[in-house]
Amino acid sequence: LGQRPTVALFLDYDGTLTPLVGRPEDARLAESTRAVLAEGRRSPTLDVVIVSGRELADVERMVDVPGLTYVGNHGFEIEGPGISYRHPGTDRHAAAIARAAGELERLKIAGAWVEQKGVTLTYHLRAVPPELRETAERRAETLLRKRHLRVVIGRDAVEGRPPVDWHKGHAVLYVLMARHGVQWPQRVRALY
């Protein structure tokens, strides 16, 4: 009998492990889910990785299961057993992210708010009245582009990220290579 392949299980936090809610801090992980993640961590053939747009420290705190691998800020930050990574492109753009966060706050659009996540930021629009939403999105996009940031329009949000070719998919491949080597496709079944 051959050895069972390792399963690398990549799970998002918001909308996967927890339901989507109005404010990120209200997305609470159920204790039963936390127990399943902890049990998975103990399996020698299961590699559990939490992938999130949240700041790395935030997703680690919200999940609170030691020994898992955590990918934060859309892949720009990774921590876990044998892995510690921060994309080198983040430091060059930290000042632009911080300035953009302040400028977005000064827009004073009713219901909009800024989530400053260190290497990225999110301008949340879920609570913006429908008649102001298009204007809020357009103004945020213009402001972020003026700061030479990568703009990603999401569900009820506008993201500002460093303008580098990196995202969650790249981070997942980075984790697979770092943890299982270049031959990972022969040894690992990756599920996202």
Protein backbone atom coordinates (compact mmCIF):
# COMPACT_ATOMS: atom_id res chain seq x y z
CA LEU A 1 0.00 0.00 0.00
CA GLY A 2 1.29 3.46 -0.88
CA GLN A 3 1.49 6.35 1.53
CA ARG A 4 -1.62 8.51 1.74
CA PRO A 5 -1.06 11.87 0.05
CA THR A 6 -1.09 14.99 2.15
CA VAL A 7 -4.09 17.23 1.72
CA ALA A 8 -3.36 20.96 1.86
CA LEU A 9 -6.63 22.60 2.85
CA PHE A 10 -6.79 26.37 2.23
CA LEU A 11 -9.76 28.08 3.87
CA ASP A 12 -10.81 31.73 3.76
CA TYR A 13 -12.06 33.27 7.00
CA ASP A 14 -14.80 35.73 6.04
CA GLY A 15 -17.61 34.06 4.14
CA THR A 16 -16.15 30.55 4.52
CA LEU A 17 -15.30 29.86 8.16
CA THR A 18 -17.64 32.64 9.29
CA PRO A 19 -20.64 34.27 7.65
CA LEU A 20 -20.20 37.68 6.03
CA VAL A 21 -21.20 40.43 8.45
CA GLY A 22 -21.44 44.23 8.36
CA ARG A 23 -18.18 44.86 10.20
CA PRO A 24 -15.11 42.57 10.11
CA GLU A 25 -14.69 42.58 13.90
CA ASP A 26 -18.15 41.00 14.24
CA ALA A 27 -17.18 37.86 12.26
CA ARG A 28 -16.76 35.34 15.07
CA LEU A 29 -15.52 31.80 14.58
CA ALA A 30 -17.79 29.20 16.18
CA GLU A 31 -16.10 27.13 18.89
CA SER A 32 -17.12 23.95 17.06
CA THR A 33 -15.29 25.21 13.94
CA ARG A 34 -12.23 26.10 16.02
CA ALA A 35 -12.25 22.55 17.46
CA VAL A 36 -12.38 21.03 13.95
CA LEU A 37 -9.44 23.22 12.84
CA ALA A 38 -7.45 22.19 15.92
CA GLU A 39 -8.20 18.52 15.21
CA GLY A 40 -7.11 18.98 11.59
CA ARG A 41 -3.84 20.51 12.76
CA ARG A 42 -3.07 17.29 14.63
CA SER A 43 -3.51 15.10 11.53
CA PRO A 44 -0.16 14.13 9.94
CA THR A 45 -1.71 14.09 6.45
CA LEU A 46 -3.61 17.38 6.62
CA ASP A 47 -2.02 20.81 6.23
CA VAL A 48 -4.54 23.52 7.23
CA VAL A 49 -3.93 27.04 5.96
CA ILE A 50 -6.17 30.05 6.67
CA VAL A 51 -6.10 32.59 3.83
CA SER A 52 -7.59 36.04 4.33
CA GLY A 53 -7.69 39.62 3.19
CA ARG A 54 -7.48 40.53 6.87
CA GLU A 55 -4.27 41.72 8.46
CA LEU A 56 -2.20 38.69 9.50
CA ALA A 57 -2.33 39.46 13.24
CA ASP A 58 -6.09 39.91 13.04
CA VAL A 59 -6.80 36.57 11.35
CA GLU A 60 -4.43 34.78 13.76
CA ARG A 61 -6.27 36.33 16.71
CA MET A 62 -9.73 35.57 15.32
CA VAL A 63 -8.97 31.90 14.52
CA ASP A 64 -6.73 31.34 17.56
CA VAL A 65 -5.49 27.85 16.66
CA PRO A 66 -1.71 27.59 17.14
CA GLY A 67 0.24 25.55 14.60
CA LEU A 68 -1.82 26.47 11.54
CA THR A 69 -0.39 28.50 8.70
CA TYR A 70 -1.95 31.94 8.27
CA VAL A 71 -1.93 34.00 5.09
CA GLY A 72 -3.00 37.61 5.68
CA ASN A 73 -3.45 40.81 3.72
CA HIS A 74 -4.39 39.02 0.50
CA GLY A 75 -1.16 37.01 0.60
CA PHE A 76 1.32 39.76 1.44
CA GLU A 77 1.99 38.22 4.89
CA ILE A 78 2.45 34.51 5.73
CA GLU A 79 3.27 32.84 9.06
CA GLY A 80 3.23 29.18 10.03
CA PRO A 81 5.39 26.21 10.89
CA GLY A 82 8.58 26.64 8.89
CA ILE A 83 7.31 29.71 7.02
CA SER A 84 7.66 33.42 7.75
CA TYR A 85 7.13 35.66 4.74
CA ARG A 86 6.33 39.28 4.06
CA HIS A 87 6.30 40.34 0.42
CA PRO A 88 9.28 42.63 -0.20
CA GLY A 89 7.12 45.07 -2.17
CA THR A 90 5.09 46.08 0.87
CA ASP A 91 7.63 48.32 2.61
CA ARG A 92 8.10 50.58 -0.41
CA HIS A 93 4.39 51.43 -0.40
CA ALA A 94 3.67 51.68 3.35
CA ALA A 95 3.73 55.49 3.34
CA ALA A 96 1.34 55.66 0.36
CA ILE A 97 -1.06 53.25 2.11
CA ALA A 98 -0.98 55.35 5.30
CA ARG A 99 -1.52 58.64 3.42
CA ALA A 100 -4.35 57.14 1.38
CA ALA A 101 -6.07 55.92 4.56
CA GLY A 102 -6.06 59.45 5.97
CA GLU A 103 -7.30 60.93 2.70
CA LEU A 104 -10.14 58.40 2.49
CA GLU A 105 -11.19 59.26 6.06
CA ARG A 106 -11.33 62.94 5.07
CA LEU A 107 -13.82 62.17 2.28
CA LYS A 108 -16.47 62.03 5.05
CA ILE A 109 -18.94 59.96 3.02
CA ALA A 110 -21.86 58.84 5.19
CA GLY A 111 -21.54 55.17 6.16
CA ALA A 112 -18.08 54.66 4.63
CA TRP A 113 -15.12 53.78 6.81
CA VAL A 114 -11.47 52.85 6.39
CA GLU A 115 -9.88 49.65 7.66
CA GLN A 116 -6.12 50.25 7.79
CA LYS A 117 -4.44 46.83 7.64
CA GLY A 118 -0.77 47.76 7.60
CA VAL A 119 0.29 46.73 4.11
CA THR A 120 -3.17 47.16 2.57
CA LEU A 121 -6.35 49.09 3.30
CA THR A 122 -10.04 48.63 2.70
CA TYR A 123 -12.60 51.37 2.20
CA HIS A 124 -15.86 49.77 3.34
CA LEU A 125 -19.07 50.85 1.60
CA ARG A 126 -21.66 48.38 2.95
CA ALA A 127 -23.34 51.05 5.12
CA VAL A 128 -23.20 53.81 2.47
CA PRO A 129 -26.67 54.90 1.30
CA PRO A 130 -27.38 53.53 -2.20
CA GLU A 131 -27.54 57.00 -3.77
CA LEU A 132 -23.96 57.75 -2.55
CA ARG A 133 -22.35 54.39 -3.25
CA GLU A 134 -21.23 54.98 -6.85
CA THR A 135 -19.75 58.38 -5.93
CA ALA A 136 -17.96 56.90 -2.90
CA GLU A 137 -16.48 54.09 -4.98
CA ARG A 138 -15.35 56.42 -7.77
CA ARG A 139 -13.78 58.95 -5.36
CA ALA A 140 -11.96 56.20 -3.44
CA GLU A 141 -10.67 54.64 -6.65
CA THR A 142 -9.39 58.01 -7.92
CA LEU A 143 -7.66 58.76 -4.63
CA LEU A 144 -5.97 55.33 -4.45
CA ARG A 145 -4.81 55.52 -8.07
CA LYS A 146 -3.35 58.99 -7.41
CA ARG A 147 -1.24 57.32 -4.69
CA HIS A 148 -0.10 54.73 -7.29
CA LEU A 149 -1.75 51.87 -5.43
CA ARG A 150 -3.39 48.84 -6.97
CA VAL A 151 -7.16 49.22 -6.75
CA VAL A 152 -9.41 46.21 -6.32
CA ILE A 153 -13.16 46.78 -6.30
CA GLY A 154 -14.80 44.16 -4.13
CA ARG A 155 -18.20 43.43 -2.70
CA ASP A 156 -19.14 46.65 -0.87
CA ALA A 157 -15.47 47.66 -0.64
CA VAL A 158 -12.59 49.30 -2.44
CA GLU A 159 -9.14 47.90 -1.66
CA GLY A 160 -5.82 49.70 -1.86
CA ARG A 161 -2.83 47.38 -2.21
CA PRO A 162 0.84 47.71 -3.15
CA PRO A 163 1.11 47.79 -6.97
CA VAL A 164 2.94 44.49 -7.24
CA ASP A 165 1.95 41.26 -8.97
CA TRP A 166 0.96 39.30 -5.87
CA HIS A 167 -2.34 37.94 -4.55
CA LYS A 168 -3.83 35.04 -2.59
CA GLY A 169 -3.14 32.60 -5.43
CA HIS A 170 0.57 33.44 -5.45
CA ALA A 171 0.62 33.06 -1.66
CA VAL A 172 -1.02 29.63 -1.86
CA LEU A 173 1.64 28.47 -4.33
CA TYR A 174 4.35 29.97 -2.10
CA VAL A 175 3.05 27.95 0.88
CA LEU A 176 2.85 24.74 -1.18
CA MET A 177 6.42 25.18 -2.48
CA ALA A 178 7.87 26.20 0.90
CA ARG A 179 6.16 23.41 2.79
CA HIS A 180 6.22 20.56 0.25
CA GLY A 181 8.90 21.47 -2.32
CA VAL A 182 8.78 21.87 -6.08
CA GLN A 183 7.39 18.36 -6.49
CA TRP A 184 4.33 19.20 -4.38
CA PRO A 185 1.84 18.25 -7.16
CA GLN A 186 2.99 14.61 -6.93
CA ARG A 187 2.64 14.47 -3.13
CA VAL A 188 -0.09 16.91 -2.16
CA ARG A 189 -3.75 17.39 -2.99
CA ALA A 190 -4.48 21.09 -2.63
CA LEU A 191 -8.05 22.22 -1.93
CA TYR A 192 -8.99 25.88 -1.70
